Amino acid sequence: MRLIVGLGNPGPQYEWTPHNMGFLALDALARRHSVRVSRREAKSVVGRGQLAGQDVILAKPQTMMNLSGVAVGMLIERYECDAAETVVLIDEVDLPWGVLRIRERGRNSTHNGLKSVIAALGTDEFIRVRMGVQPEQIWGDRSDYVLSTMHPEERRIAEDEAGEAAKAVELILREGVAKAMARFNRKAPPEQEATEPA
């Protein structure tokens, strides 16, 4: 059983904020594979299905972001999942909008949800798909920015980026992390791709 977790904050007021990219990507993945993510357990809403020939649990923790690790730890224990095979979908304010980065491990992060997961699991050995949400310039505190409502253009980019993250998860499960990293970690933001020579 593989666990795929999208991190975010529960509640409609947070739905279209940069910090909820993990939820948006998890929802995109669920739609692509007709998995209903609605059952409440382990401080999360979950759905069970098949993806790339593997049994998967798709989950959105219903704790606040800073306590995401509590839910992830409970899910791993309940379904006897391997932490190293778990995929966590998160926003990343240090990457431009539209850019994905896939990593197999790493502790060096300012993301509080990721810190919570690492603390709860006692390891940084799990797969993360980071989705860029970097503004043109940081205004005020970062926490204010990631909890601010996206403007219409950001929503459009967020939907596209969530779809790409869903494809990245599919490739991770189908062909492995290395293949997914080789494909997605080199991708430029959409506007940069448009200006690069063919």
Protein backbone atom coordinates (compact mmCIF):
# COMPACT_ATOMS: atom_id res chain seq x y z
CA MET A 1 0.00 0.00 0.00
CA ARG A 2 1.38 3.41 -1.01
CA LEU A 3 0.40 6.56 0.86
CA ILE A 4 0.03 9.81 -1.09
CA VAL A 5 -0.56 12.88 1.10
CA GLY A 6 -1.39 16.44 0.07
CA LEU A 7 -0.66 19.03 2.76
CA GLY A 8 -2.84 22.08 3.37
CA ASN A 9 -5.17 23.75 5.83
CA PRO A 10 -8.79 22.56 6.14
CA GLY A 11 -11.66 24.98 5.63
CA PRO A 12 -13.07 26.93 2.68
CA GLN A 13 -11.23 30.12 3.69
CA TYR A 14 -7.92 28.40 2.86
CA GLU A 15 -8.96 26.59 -0.33
CA TRP A 16 -7.34 29.00 -2.81
CA THR A 17 -4.25 29.98 -0.83
CA PRO A 18 -0.68 29.10 -1.88
CA HIS A 19 -0.27 26.94 1.24
CA ASN A 20 -3.01 24.61 -0.04
CA MET A 21 -1.25 23.50 -3.23
CA GLY A 22 -0.88 20.04 -1.68
CA PHE A 23 -4.66 19.72 -1.37
CA LEU A 24 -5.18 20.99 -4.93
CA ALA A 25 -2.69 18.47 -6.34
CA LEU A 26 -4.18 15.61 -4.30
CA ASP A 27 -7.64 16.54 -5.61
CA ALA A 28 -6.32 16.59 -9.19
CA LEU A 29 -4.81 13.14 -8.71
CA ALA A 30 -8.05 11.82 -7.20
CA ARG A 31 -10.07 13.13 -10.17
CA ARG A 32 -7.71 11.57 -12.69
CA HIS A 33 -8.19 8.15 -11.07
CA SER A 34 -11.81 8.44 -9.92
CA VAL A 35 -10.92 8.13 -6.24
CA ARG A 36 -13.36 9.71 -3.81
CA VAL A 37 -11.42 11.33 -0.97
CA SER A 38 -14.11 11.72 1.68
CA ARG A 39 -13.77 9.07 4.40
CA ARG A 40 -12.73 10.54 7.75
CA GLU A 41 -10.05 8.69 9.68
CA ALA A 42 -6.65 9.30 11.26
CA LYS A 43 -7.33 13.06 11.46
CA SER A 44 -7.64 13.10 7.65
CA VAL A 45 -10.03 12.65 4.78
CA VAL A 46 -8.94 9.66 2.72
CA GLY A 47 -9.79 7.65 -0.36
CA ARG A 48 -8.54 4.28 -1.50
CA GLY A 49 -7.91 3.29 -5.09
CA GLN A 50 -5.44 2.05 -7.67
CA LEU A 51 -2.77 4.11 -9.36
CA ALA A 52 -0.19 2.78 -11.81
CA GLY A 53 -1.19 -0.75 -10.81
CA GLN A 54 -0.58 -0.13 -7.11
CA ASP A 55 -3.01 0.10 -4.21
CA VAL A 56 -2.91 3.64 -2.85
CA ILE A 57 -4.35 5.73 -0.05
CA LEU A 58 -4.90 9.37 -1.01
CA ALA A 59 -5.14 11.61 2.04
CA LYS A 60 -5.60 15.23 3.09
CA PRO A 61 -4.77 15.81 6.79
CA GLN A 62 -7.47 17.81 8.58
CA THR A 63 -5.14 19.17 11.23
CA MET A 64 -3.75 22.60 10.56
CA MET A 65 -0.61 22.60 8.41
CA ASN A 66 1.80 22.84 11.37
CA LEU A 67 0.43 19.55 12.77
CA SER A 68 0.33 17.59 9.51
CA GLY A 69 2.82 15.06 10.82
CA VAL A 70 0.36 13.81 13.43
CA ALA A 71 -2.05 12.69 10.70
CA VAL A 72 0.67 11.33 8.42
CA GLY A 73 2.12 9.24 11.25
CA MET A 74 -1.31 7.83 12.09
CA LEU A 75 -1.97 6.95 8.43
CA ILE A 76 1.38 5.20 8.01
CA GLU A 77 0.74 3.15 11.14
CA ARG A 78 -2.87 2.32 10.23
CA TYR A 79 -2.08 1.16 6.69
CA GLU A 80 1.38 -0.23 7.45
CA CYS A 81 2.92 1.94 4.75
CA ASP A 82 6.64 2.37 4.19
CA ALA A 83 7.67 5.94 5.03
CA ALA A 84 10.35 5.88 2.33
CA GLU A 85 7.66 5.05 -0.26
CA THR A 86 5.26 7.74 0.95
CA VAL A 87 4.74 10.76 -1.33
CA VAL A 88 4.03 14.18 0.22
CA LEU A 89 2.72 17.04 -1.95
CA ILE A 90 3.59 20.54 -0.68
CA ASP A 91 3.86 24.17 -1.72
CA GLU A 92 7.30 25.78 -1.93
CA VAL A 93 7.67 29.54 -1.62
CA ASP A 94 11.34 29.37 -2.75
CA LEU A 95 10.35 28.08 -6.21
CA PRO A 96 8.59 30.14 -8.92
CA TRP A 97 4.97 29.41 -9.79
CA GLY A 98 4.73 26.52 -12.23
CA VAL A 99 8.00 24.86 -11.19
CA LEU A 100 8.08 21.40 -9.59
CA ARG A 101 10.91 19.80 -7.64
CA ILE A 102 10.92 16.16 -6.56
CA ARG A 103 13.19 14.95 -3.77
CA GLU A 104 13.63 11.62 -1.95
CA ARG A 105 14.86 13.16 1.31
CA GLY A 106 16.06 16.34 2.97
CA ARG A 107 15.73 18.24 6.25
CA ASN A 108 16.68 21.71 5.04
CA SER A 109 13.24 23.29 4.73
CA THR A 110 11.38 26.27 6.14
CA HIS A 111 8.04 24.57 5.41
CA ASN A 112 6.29 23.95 8.74
CA GLY A 113 4.13 21.13 7.39
CA LEU A 114 7.21 19.30 6.15
CA LYS A 115 8.98 19.89 9.46
CA SER A 116 5.98 18.38 11.26
CA VAL A 117 6.03 15.27 9.07
CA ILE A 118 9.77 14.78 9.59
CA ALA A 119 9.36 15.18 13.36
CA ALA A 120 6.44 12.75 13.53
CA LEU A 121 8.07 10.06 11.40
CA GLY A 122 11.53 10.50 12.88
CA THR A 123 13.01 10.47 9.37
CA ASP A 124 13.35 12.68 6.31
CA GLU A 125 13.43 9.60 4.08
CA PHE A 126 10.18 10.11 2.18
CA ILE A 127 9.37 11.45 -1.28
CA ARG A 128 8.20 15.02 -1.60
CA VAL A 129 6.82 16.84 -4.63
CA ARG A 130 7.34 20.57 -4.10
CA MET A 131 5.21 23.03 -6.08
CA GLY A 132 6.43 26.57 -6.61
CA VAL A 133 4.31 29.45 -5.28
CA GLN A 134 6.95 32.19 -5.13
CA PRO A 135 5.57 35.72 -5.53
CA GLU A 136 7.34 38.31 -7.66
CA GLN A 137 8.33 39.89 -4.37
CA ILE A 138 7.71 38.87 -0.78
CA TRP A 139 5.51 41.41 0.96
CA GLY A 140 5.43 41.34 4.72
CA ASP A 141 5.76 37.98 6.42
CA ARG A 142 5.94 34.77 4.37
CA SER A 143 3.16 33.25 6.45
CA ASP A 144 0.89 36.14 5.45
CA TYR A 145 1.62 35.49 1.80
CA VAL A 146 1.06 31.71 1.81
CA LEU A 147 -2.28 32.22 3.59
CA SER A 148 -3.45 34.99 1.24
CA THR A 149 -6.12 34.33 -1.40
CA MET A 150 -4.76 33.75 -4.91
CA HIS A 151 -5.70 36.24 -7.60
CA PRO A 152 -7.32 34.83 -10.80
CA GLU A 153 -4.08 34.40 -12.76
CA GLU A 154 -2.46 32.57 -9.83
CA ARG A 155 -5.49 30.26 -9.66
CA ARG A 156 -5.08 29.38 -13.32
CA ILE A 157 -1.39 28.61 -12.82
CA ALA A 158 -2.17 26.71 -9.60
CA GLU A 159 -4.64 24.43 -11.40
CA ASP A 160 -2.10 23.68 -14.14
CA GLU A 161 0.66 23.11 -11.58
CA ALA A 162 -1.56 20.78 -9.55
CA GLY A 163 -2.22 18.76 -12.70
CA GLU A 164 1.51 18.51 -13.40
CA ALA A 165 2.15 17.39 -9.82
CA ALA A 166 -0.49 14.67 -10.26
CA LYS A 167 1.35 13.48 -13.39
CA ALA A 168 4.62 13.50 -11.42
CA VAL A 169 3.10 11.22 -8.77
CA GLU A 170 1.86 8.87 -11.48
CA LEU A 171 5.36 8.66 -12.95
CA ILE A 172 6.91 8.10 -9.51
CA LEU A 173 4.64 5.12 -8.96
CA ARG A 174 4.95 3.80 -12.49
CA GLU A 175 8.68 4.21 -13.19
CA GLY A 176 10.33 5.39 -9.97
CA VAL A 177 11.58 8.60 -8.40
CA ALA A 178 14.69 8.93 -10.58
CA LYS A 179 12.66 8.98 -13.79
CA ALA A 180 10.22 11.51 -12.33
CA MET A 181 13.07 13.74 -11.15
CA ALA A 182 14.73 13.62 -14.57
CA ARG A 183 11.50 14.65 -16.26
CA PHE A 184 9.99 17.20 -13.89
CA ASN A 185 12.92 18.77 -12.04
CA ARG A 186 14.23 20.34 -15.26
CA LYS A 187 10.96 21.93 -16.28
CA ALA A 188 10.94 25.72 -16.58
CA PRO A 189 7.97 27.89 -15.65
CA PRO A 190 5.38 28.07 -18.48
CA GLU A 191 6.27 31.68 -19.42
CA GLN A 192 9.98 30.79 -19.61
CA GLU A 193 9.28 27.75 -21.78
CA ALA A 194 7.31 29.97 -24.14
CA THR A 195 10.29 32.31 -24.67
CA GLU A 196 12.94 29.63 -25.07
CA PRO A 197 13.96 28.69 -28.66
CA ALA A 198 12.52 25.41 -29.94
